[in-house]
Protein backbone atom coordinates (compact mmCIF):
# COMPACT_ATOMS: atom_id res chain seq x y z
CA MET A 1 -95.15 74.19 -100.71
CA CYS A 2 -97.66 72.80 -103.38
CA ILE A 3 -96.29 69.31 -103.26
CA PRO A 4 -97.20 67.96 -100.05
CA ILE A 5 -100.39 69.30 -99.98
CA LEU A 6 -101.52 67.26 -103.24
CA VAL A 7 -99.57 64.42 -101.80
CA ASP A 8 -101.74 64.19 -98.44
CA LEU A 9 -105.16 64.59 -100.52
CA GLY A 10 -103.87 61.44 -102.33
CA TYR A 11 -102.10 62.57 -105.54
CA ASP A 12 -99.52 60.17 -106.63
CA LYS A 13 -96.04 62.09 -105.13
CA VAL A 14 -94.35 61.72 -108.57
CA PHE A 15 -97.03 63.29 -111.04
CA SER A 16 -97.45 65.94 -108.30
CA ALA A 17 -93.91 66.62 -108.63
CA ALA A 18 -93.99 66.35 -112.31
CA ILE A 19 -96.88 68.89 -112.09
CA VAL A 20 -95.29 71.57 -110.50
CA ALA A 21 -91.62 70.95 -112.66
CA THR A 22 -93.55 71.66 -115.78
CA ALA A 23 -95.87 74.53 -114.45
CA GLY A 24 -92.91 76.29 -113.26
CA GLY A 25 -91.87 76.87 -116.68
CA LEU A 26 -94.88 79.01 -116.52
CA GLY A 27 -92.72 81.44 -114.72
CA VAL A 28 -90.71 82.69 -117.50
CA ILE A 29 -93.78 83.53 -120.00
CA ILE A 30 -96.38 84.87 -117.53
CA PRO A 31 -94.55 88.72 -116.70
CA PRO A 32 -92.76 89.61 -115.17
CA SER A 33 -90.17 87.69 -117.38
CA ILE A 34 -86.45 88.37 -116.86
CA PRO A 35 -85.62 86.34 -120.57
CA PHE A 36 -88.34 88.71 -122.04
CA ILE A 37 -86.90 91.77 -120.56
CA MET A 38 -82.82 90.46 -122.05
CA TYR A 39 -84.82 89.31 -125.64
CA GLY A 40 -86.39 93.21 -125.42
CA LEU A 41 -82.63 94.53 -124.34
CA PHE A 42 -80.94 93.18 -127.00
CA THR A 43 -83.36 93.19 -130.30
CA GLY A 44 -84.98 96.68 -129.45
CA THR A 45 -88.85 95.43 -128.44
CA SER A 46 -90.63 96.92 -126.00
CA VAL A 47 -90.38 94.95 -123.03
CA GLY A 48 -93.96 96.04 -121.95
CA ASP A 49 -95.09 94.83 -125.46
CA MET A 50 -93.47 91.21 -124.36
CA PHE A 51 -95.11 91.45 -120.89
CA THR A 52 -98.42 91.83 -122.47
CA ALA A 53 -98.03 89.41 -125.16
CA GLY A 54 -97.09 86.50 -122.68
CA ILE A 55 -100.41 86.80 -120.56
CA LEU A 56 -102.63 85.04 -123.11
CA PRO A 57 -100.01 82.32 -124.17
CA GLY A 58 -99.00 81.43 -120.38
CA ILE A 59 -102.79 81.23 -119.32
CA LEU A 60 -103.40 78.83 -122.67
CA ILE A 61 -100.65 76.71 -121.57
CA ALA A 62 -101.89 76.23 -118.57
CA VAL A 63 -105.11 75.37 -119.34
CA CYS A 64 -103.15 72.63 -121.65
CA ILE A 65 -101.85 71.31 -118.49
CA MET A 66 -104.61 71.01 -116.37
CA PHE A 67 -106.41 69.31 -119.42
CA TYR A 68 -103.95 66.85 -118.64
CA CYS A 69 -104.36 66.72 -115.61
CA TRP A 70 -107.95 66.14 -115.55
CA LEU A 71 -107.54 63.14 -118.11
CA TYR A 72 -104.88 61.72 -115.86
CA CYS A 73 -107.39 61.71 -113.29
CA LYS A 74 -110.27 60.34 -115.09
CA ARG A 75 -108.44 57.76 -116.26
CA ASN A 76 -106.51 56.54 -113.04
CA GLY A 77 -108.92 58.01 -110.71
CA GLU A 78 -108.10 59.89 -107.59
CA ASP A 79 -109.35 59.97 -103.80
CA LYS A 80 -112.56 61.59 -103.50
CA GLU A 81 -113.05 61.16 -100.11
CA LYS A 82 -109.85 62.47 -98.92
CA VAL A 83 -110.52 65.85 -101.51
CA ALA A 84 -114.03 66.02 -100.03
CA ALA A 85 -112.84 65.80 -96.63
CA ASN A 86 -110.30 68.44 -97.19
CA TYR A 87 -112.60 70.90 -98.82
CA HIS A 88 -115.29 70.49 -95.99
CA ALA A 89 -112.38 70.76 -93.55
CA LEU A 90 -111.55 74.17 -94.54
CA LYS A 91 -114.95 75.15 -95.06
CA GLU A 92 -116.27 74.44 -91.39
CA GLN A 93 -113.25 76.73 -90.15
CA GLY A 94 -114.69 79.59 -92.41
CA PHE A 95 -112.77 81.86 -94.31
CA TRP A 96 -111.41 84.21 -91.44
CA LYS A 97 -110.10 81.70 -89.61
CA VAL A 98 -108.42 80.01 -92.34
CA PHE A 99 -106.94 83.70 -93.38
CA LYS A 100 -105.90 84.31 -90.03
CA THR A 101 -103.84 81.03 -89.69
CA GLY A 102 -102.23 81.47 -93.10
CA PHE A 103 -101.32 85.28 -92.61
CA TRP A 104 -98.05 85.00 -92.41
CA ALA A 105 -97.37 82.28 -94.98
CA VAL A 106 -99.15 84.40 -97.41
CA LEU A 107 -97.02 87.49 -96.67
CA THR A 108 -94.24 85.16 -98.49
CA PRO A 109 -95.26 86.12 -102.08
CA VAL A 110 -96.07 89.41 -100.88
CA ILE A 111 -92.76 90.42 -99.75
CA ILE A 112 -91.56 88.34 -102.68
CA LEU A 113 -93.12 90.16 -105.73
CA GLY A 114 -93.79 93.27 -103.51
CA GLY A 115 -89.72 93.49 -102.92
CA ILE A 116 -88.91 93.37 -106.98
CA TYR A 117 -92.01 95.42 -108.59
CA GLY A 118 -91.35 98.03 -106.03
CA GLY A 119 -87.14 98.08 -106.76
CA ILE A 120 -86.43 97.47 -103.34
CA VAL A 121 -84.74 94.12 -104.15
CA THR A 122 -83.39 92.31 -106.96
CA PRO A 123 -85.03 88.84 -107.56
CA THR A 124 -82.00 87.09 -106.17
CA GLU A 125 -82.17 89.08 -102.92
CA ALA A 126 -85.79 88.49 -102.86
CA ALA A 127 -84.92 84.72 -102.58
CA CYS A 128 -82.32 85.62 -99.76
CA VAL A 129 -85.31 87.14 -98.11
CA SER A 130 -87.74 85.08 -98.20
CA VAL A 131 -85.54 82.09 -96.87
CA PHE A 132 -84.84 84.44 -93.44
CA TYR A 133 -88.13 85.31 -93.30
CA ALA A 134 -89.34 81.74 -93.71
CA LEU A 135 -87.21 80.68 -90.98
CA ILE A 136 -88.23 83.07 -88.82
CA VAL A 137 -92.06 82.72 -89.18
CA CYS A 138 -91.05 78.53 -88.92
CA LEU A 139 -89.33 79.01 -85.87
CA PHE A 140 -91.23 81.28 -83.79
CA ILE A 141 -94.97 81.72 -85.03
CA TYR A 142 -95.54 78.06 -86.50
CA LYS A 143 -93.19 76.37 -84.51
CA THR A 144 -92.80 73.85 -87.41
CA ILE A 145 -89.21 73.76 -86.82
CA LYS A 146 -86.84 73.76 -83.99
CA ILE A 147 -83.13 75.75 -83.75
CA LYS A 148 -81.71 72.19 -83.66
CA ASP A 149 -83.12 71.09 -86.92
CA ILE A 150 -81.19 74.26 -88.77
CA PRO A 151 -77.92 72.21 -89.43
CA LEU A 152 -79.96 69.44 -90.92
CA LEU A 153 -81.97 71.44 -93.33
CA LEU A 154 -78.67 73.39 -94.27
CA LYS A 155 -77.43 70.00 -95.47
CA ASP A 156 -80.05 68.97 -97.13
CA SER A 157 -80.21 72.42 -99.17
CA ILE A 158 -76.50 71.72 -99.68
CA SER A 159 -77.62 68.35 -101.15
CA SER A 160 -79.87 69.01 -103.55
CA TYR A 161 -78.71 72.49 -104.76
CA ALA A 162 -75.22 71.56 -105.52
CA PRO A 163 -76.02 69.36 -108.59
CA LEU A 164 -78.03 72.34 -109.78
CA LEU A 165 -75.45 74.74 -109.60
CA LEU A 166 -73.07 72.71 -111.22
CA CYS A 167 -75.52 72.10 -114.35
CA ILE A 168 -75.84 76.12 -114.29
CA ALA A 169 -72.03 76.35 -114.77
CA LEU A 170 -71.96 74.35 -117.45
CA ALA A 171 -74.84 75.94 -119.23
CA GLN A 172 -72.65 78.80 -118.81
CA GLY A 173 -69.99 77.85 -119.97
CA PHE A 174 -71.34 75.92 -123.27
CA SER A 175 -73.08 79.19 -124.22
CA ARG A 176 -69.75 81.09 -123.75
CA ILE A 177 -68.11 78.36 -125.98
CA LEU A 178 -70.92 78.88 -128.75
CA VAL A 179 -69.99 82.93 -128.54
CA LEU A 180 -66.04 81.83 -129.13
CA LEU A 181 -67.12 79.61 -131.84
CA LYS A 182 -68.87 82.27 -133.90
CA ALA A 183 -72.29 79.88 -133.98
CA SER A 184 -74.13 83.00 -134.53
CA THR A 185 -73.11 83.39 -137.69
CA TYR A 186 -73.42 79.63 -138.81
CA VAL A 187 -76.86 79.57 -137.49
CA GLN A 188 -78.21 82.46 -139.77
CA ASN A 189 -76.57 81.25 -142.72
CA LEU A 190 -78.14 77.97 -141.47
CA LEU A 191 -81.49 79.29 -141.48
CA ASN A 192 -80.97 81.31 -144.76
CA SER A 193 -79.92 77.84 -146.93
CA PHE A 194 -83.09 75.53 -145.25
CA VAL A 195 -85.45 78.39 -145.23
CA SER A 196 -88.16 78.69 -148.10
CA SER A 197 -91.75 80.08 -146.02
CA LYS A 198 -92.55 81.48 -142.86
CA PHE A 199 -94.41 78.02 -142.12
CA THR A 200 -90.86 76.52 -142.19
CA LEU A 201 -89.06 79.14 -140.59
CA LEU A 202 -91.19 78.34 -137.25
CA ILE A 203 -90.92 74.16 -138.13
CA ILE A 204 -87.06 74.77 -137.72
CA LEU A 205 -86.45 77.44 -135.20
CA ILE A 206 -88.96 75.47 -132.89
CA ILE A 207 -87.13 72.26 -133.09
CA PHE A 208 -83.96 73.73 -133.10
CA LEU A 209 -84.90 75.66 -129.65
CA LEU A 210 -86.52 72.71 -128.26
CA ILE A 211 -82.94 70.63 -128.57
CA LEU A 212 -81.20 73.55 -127.43
CA GLY A 213 -83.55 73.80 -124.66
CA MET A 214 -81.90 70.38 -123.19
CA PHE A 215 -78.86 71.74 -123.00
CA MET A 216 -78.68 75.49 -122.35
CA ASP A 217 -80.36 77.73 -120.16
CA CYS A 218 -83.64 80.01 -121.34
CA GLY A 219 -81.48 83.58 -120.42
CA PRO A 220 -78.29 83.05 -122.25
CA ALA A 221 -79.87 81.10 -125.45
CA VAL A 222 -82.49 84.20 -125.52
CA MET A 223 -79.09 86.86 -125.61
CA ILE A 224 -77.20 84.87 -127.89
CA LEU A 225 -80.29 83.58 -130.77
CA ALA A 226 -82.44 86.71 -130.61
CA PRO A 227 -80.34 88.94 -132.64
CA ILE A 228 -79.19 86.23 -134.64
CA VAL A 229 -83.09 84.74 -135.82
CA LEU A 230 -84.82 88.52 -135.49
CA PRO A 231 -83.43 89.60 -138.72
CA VAL A 232 -84.45 86.74 -140.86
CA ALA A 233 -87.89 85.97 -139.32
CA GLU A 234 -88.68 89.38 -140.30
CA THR A 235 -88.34 89.15 -144.10
CA TYR A 236 -90.92 86.18 -143.57
CA GLY A 237 -93.85 88.68 -141.42
CA VAL A 238 -92.79 87.13 -138.23
CA ASP A 239 -93.69 89.76 -135.70
CA PRO A 240 -90.79 90.66 -133.65
CA VAL A 241 -93.21 90.38 -130.23
CA HIS A 242 -94.39 87.34 -131.44
CA LEU A 243 -90.81 86.23 -132.17
CA GLY A 244 -90.02 86.75 -128.65
CA ILE A 245 -92.76 84.85 -127.35
CA ILE A 246 -92.06 81.54 -129.26
CA MET A 247 -88.69 81.80 -128.40
CA VAL A 248 -89.11 81.67 -124.89
CA THR A 249 -91.68 79.20 -124.56
CA ALA A 250 -89.74 76.80 -126.47
CA LEU A 251 -86.72 77.21 -124.42
CA ALA A 252 -89.11 76.52 -121.35
CA VAL A 253 -89.71 73.29 -122.29
CA GLY A 254 -86.22 72.73 -121.50
CA PHE A 255 -86.61 73.39 -117.72
CA VAL A 256 -88.18 70.01 -118.09
CA THR A 257 -86.19 68.31 -120.56
CA PRO A 258 -82.81 66.07 -120.04
CA PRO A 259 -80.00 66.60 -119.48
CA PHE A 260 -80.11 69.83 -118.13
CA GLY A 261 -84.15 70.05 -116.90
CA MET A 262 -83.30 72.69 -114.08
CA ASN A 263 -86.69 71.86 -112.95
CA LEU A 264 -86.38 68.58 -112.54
CA PHE A 265 -83.28 68.68 -110.70
CA VAL A 266 -84.78 70.99 -108.06
CA THR A 267 -88.11 69.16 -107.74
CA ALA A 268 -86.76 65.38 -108.04
CA PRO A 269 -85.26 65.78 -104.43
CA LEU A 270 -88.19 67.29 -103.07
CA VAL A 271 -89.75 63.58 -103.16
CA ASP A 272 -87.00 61.70 -103.36
CA VAL A 273 -87.19 60.29 -106.58
CA PRO A 274 -84.43 59.85 -109.37
CA VAL A 275 -84.24 62.53 -112.12
CA ALA A 276 -85.00 60.31 -114.50
CA LYS A 277 -87.91 58.60 -112.87
CA LEU A 278 -89.81 62.33 -112.92
CA GLY A 279 -88.54 62.83 -115.91
CA THR A 280 -90.10 60.00 -117.48
CA LYS A 281 -93.68 61.14 -115.22
CA ALA A 282 -93.46 64.41 -117.18
CA LEU A 283 -93.39 63.73 -120.55
CA PRO A 284 -96.92 63.99 -120.99
CA PHE A 285 -96.87 67.41 -119.24
CA ILE A 286 -93.93 68.14 -122.22
CA GLY A 287 -96.34 67.20 -124.68
CA THR A 288 -99.22 69.46 -123.80
CA PHE A 289 -96.80 72.15 -123.40
CA ILE A 290 -95.52 71.30 -127.21
CA ILE A 291 -98.67 71.65 -128.34
CA ALA A 292 -99.42 74.73 -126.65
CA LEU A 293 -96.27 75.97 -128.68
CA LEU A 294 -97.49 74.86 -131.57
CA LEU A 295 -100.86 76.98 -131.58
CA ILE A 296 -98.89 79.93 -129.91
CA ALA A 297 -96.55 79.67 -133.13
CA PHE A 298 -98.96 79.46 -135.91
CA ILE A 299 -102.24 81.59 -134.20
CA PRO A 300 -100.15 84.49 -133.44
CA GLN A 301 -103.35 86.65 -132.58
CA ILE A 302 -102.91 84.52 -129.16
CA SER A 303 -100.03 86.49 -128.60
CA LEU A 304 -100.39 90.01 -130.31
CA ILE A 305 -103.94 90.22 -129.50
CA LEU A 306 -103.73 92.56 -126.32
CA LEU A 307 -101.71 95.07 -128.03
């Protein structure tokens, strides 16, 4: 939904896709977050505390990304005439007319989040419901597609998501191999042999998680590593909630880092560019994400002040 709007306003389509792909990583940091729930279940940490602690780190990352967008537009310019024309066109319509026009579209996130929070559907079921709802709205209310277009849409969906599903399957297989090889024992021994201070522990942990995030999905990584790392981290005075925020944030960077980079594989087909090209454009965003990660790691109050 966001990329076409940005392109219409004159922004580069690859840059727009890079924004969406990188910002998508915030979904596991700002609650509700499934990795936070997994961390709580596998470490005994309060899920409510994890949700509360994720609010300010998520806002900090968003601010860092927005700051880079501002710098990019200052350096490369933007089509201010298109932006201003779009603003004035919306203003002339008035709030209620715009709201009336977009009412059925606005109901989409309401149905998704309301269904999940209300316990009516799971996140996976909510995705299916939203697809059927969007199809009905587009066919019969907005009339932006026709019934004859549905086979083509299905074909495009399959070609876009088949590679992604293959990546997920490989990531799941990799996580199981780590369990069978008892990698947890080696990781714990490695940390104990190299770590000499809290600072060293956090640096090693962040580097390790950034590398792991390139090959492994956030959820399985949290399930495997959290029970291993937590006892070591606690001996150096790292709060369990703070550790959970660091782990999930570091692994969230993996959503836009190759070779796995799930968000890259999802977003690249939407703008019809190679994943590698999109990944290159996303590098500065990844840099801002990592800067925010370091601030979160070494200023615990960012995560813990709301508790």
